Amino acid sequence: MRPDTSHWRDRDSYDYFDALPIEGLAWECLRRHEPYQRHYRALLATRTQKAPMTSAAQRIWGLRFPSQA
């Protein structure tokens, strides 16, 4: 589940970041976060990865804002 970091110094590998919307940038950061990766592996292990994420989990991972923007 770890991303390939062998070319992390290669600027061309990150060109797509320039065109990402804020949600895309947030996802790129979240998916690299080890605690999130552990949480996702636990979902896979219990076969609940397709179930809706609980409100508490959404708040933990910043997938929902606590109030209106």
C-alpha atoms as a PDB file:
ATOM      1  CA  MET A   1       0.000   0.000   0.000  1.00  0.00           C
ATOM      2  CA  ARG A   2       2.993   2.278   0.284  1.00  0.00           C
ATOM      3  CA  PRO A   3       3.506   4.581  -2.678  1.00  0.00           C
ATOM      4  CA  ASP A   4       6.612   4.174  -4.803  1.00  0.00           C
ATOM      5  CA  THR A   5       9.045   6.705  -3.372  1.00  0.00           C
ATOM      6  CA  SER A   6      12.051   5.696  -5.466  1.00  0.00           C
ATOM      7  CA  HIS A   7      11.712   8.789  -7.683  1.00  0.00           C
ATOM      8  CA  TRP A   8      10.622  11.305  -5.062  1.00  0.00           C
ATOM      9  CA  ARG A   9      13.233  13.838  -6.184  1.00  0.00           C
ATOM     10  CA  ASP A  10      12.096  13.711  -9.805  1.00  0.00           C
ATOM     11  CA  ARG A  11      10.132  16.936 -10.350  1.00  0.00           C
ATOM     12  CA  ASP A  12       8.359  15.511 -13.417  1.00  0.00           C
ATOM     13  CA  SER A  13       6.742  12.881 -11.183  1.00  0.00           C
ATOM     14  CA  TYR A  14       4.795  15.657  -9.469  1.00  0.00           C
ATOM     15  CA  ASP A  15       3.721  17.738 -12.463  1.00  0.00           C
ATOM     16  CA  TYR A  16       0.135  16.549 -12.070  1.00  0.00           C
ATOM     17  CA  PHE A  17      -0.002  18.275  -8.661  1.00  0.00           C
ATOM     18  CA  ASP A  18      -0.131  21.634 -10.429  1.00  0.00           C
ATOM     19  CA  ALA A  19      -3.530  20.806 -11.924  1.00  0.00           C
ATOM     20  CA  LEU A  20      -5.108  19.159  -8.872  1.00  0.00           C
ATOM     21  CA  PRO A  21      -8.150  20.751  -7.261  1.00  0.00           C
ATOM     22  CA  ILE A  22      -7.898  21.181  -3.484  1.00  0.00           C
ATOM     23  CA  GLU A  23      -9.754  17.891  -2.964  1.00  0.00           C
ATOM     24  CA  GLY A  24      -7.221  16.078  -5.131  1.00  0.00           C
ATOM     25  CA  LEU A  25      -4.311  17.538  -3.212  1.00  0.00           C
ATOM     26  CA  ALA A  26      -5.958  16.576   0.072  1.00  0.00           C
ATOM     27  CA  TRP A  27      -6.443  13.013  -1.182  1.00  0.00           C
ATOM     28  CA  GLU A  28      -2.809  12.754  -2.328  1.00  0.00           C
ATOM     29  CA  CYS A  29      -1.684  13.738   1.180  1.00  0.00           C
ATOM     30  CA  LEU A  30      -4.207  11.557   3.005  1.00  0.00           C
ATOM     31  CA  ARG A  31      -3.466   8.390   1.048  1.00  0.00           C
ATOM     32  CA  ARG A  32       0.214   8.670   1.977  1.00  0.00           C
ATOM     33  CA  HIS A  33      -0.576   9.058   5.708  1.00  0.00           C
ATOM     34  CA  GLU A  34       0.383   5.868   7.597  1.00  0.00           C
ATOM     35  CA  PRO A  35      -2.484   5.988  10.152  1.00  0.00           C
ATOM     36  CA  TYR A  36      -4.978   6.299   7.263  1.00  0.00           C
ATOM     37  CA  GLN A  37      -3.306   3.382   5.504  1.00  0.00           C
ATOM     38  CA  ARG A  38      -3.679   1.269   8.669  1.00  0.00           C
ATOM     39  CA  HIS A  39      -7.349   2.252   8.930  1.00  0.00           C
ATOM     40  CA  TYR A  40      -7.944   1.272   5.305  1.00  0.00           C
ATOM     41  CA  ARG A  41      -6.141  -2.062   5.751  1.00  0.00           C
ATOM     42  CA  ALA A  42      -8.441  -2.752   8.715  1.00  0.00           C
ATOM     43  CA  LEU A  43     -11.460  -2.030   6.505  1.00  0.00           C
ATOM     44  CA  LEU A  44     -10.115  -4.464   3.920  1.00  0.00           C
ATOM     45  CA  ALA A  45      -9.468  -7.115   6.555  1.00  0.00           C
ATOM     46  CA  THR A  46     -13.045  -6.900   7.816  1.00  0.00           C
ATOM     47  CA  ARG A  47     -14.420  -6.621   4.273  1.00  0.00           C
ATOM     48  CA  THR A  48     -16.200  -3.362   5.128  1.00  0.00           C
ATOM     49  CA  GLN A  49     -14.372  -1.159   2.621  1.00  0.00           C
ATOM     50  CA  LYS A  50     -17.592  -0.680   0.632  1.00  0.00           C
ATOM     51  CA  ALA A  51     -19.684   0.260   3.664  1.00  0.00           C
ATOM     52  CA  PRO A  52     -20.281   3.969   4.244  1.00  0.00           C
ATOM     53  CA  MET A  53     -17.609   5.488   6.470  1.00  0.00           C
ATOM     54  CA  THR A  54     -18.958   6.473   9.862  1.00  0.00           C
ATOM     55  CA  SER A  55     -19.333  10.163  10.690  1.00  0.00           C
ATOM     56  CA  ALA A  56     -16.605   9.840  13.321  1.00  0.00           C
ATOM     57  CA  ALA A  57     -14.172   8.361  10.794  1.00  0.00           C
ATOM     58  CA  GLN A  58     -15.039  11.094   8.295  1.00  0.00           C
ATOM     59  CA  ARG A  59     -14.169  13.721  10.910  1.00  0.00           C
ATOM     60  CA  ILE A  60     -10.906  11.979  11.872  1.00  0.00           C
ATOM     61  CA  TRP A  61      -9.656  11.946   8.283  1.00  0.00           C
ATOM     62  CA  GLY A  62     -10.980  15.389   7.393  1.00  0.00           C
ATOM     63  CA  LEU A  63     -13.421  14.024   4.837  1.00  0.00           C
ATOM     64  CA  ARG A  64     -16.186  16.269   6.122  1.00  0.00           C
ATOM     65  CA  PHE A  65     -16.037  19.786   7.457  1.00  0.00           C
ATOM     66  CA  PRO A  66     -17.534  20.426  10.901  1.00  0.00           C
ATOM     67  CA  SER A  67     -19.588  23.367   9.665  1.00  0.00           C
ATOM     68  CA  GLN A  68     -20.452  25.229   6.482  1.00  0.00           C
ATOM     69  CA  ALA A  69     -17.653  26.923   4.610  1.00  0.00           C
END
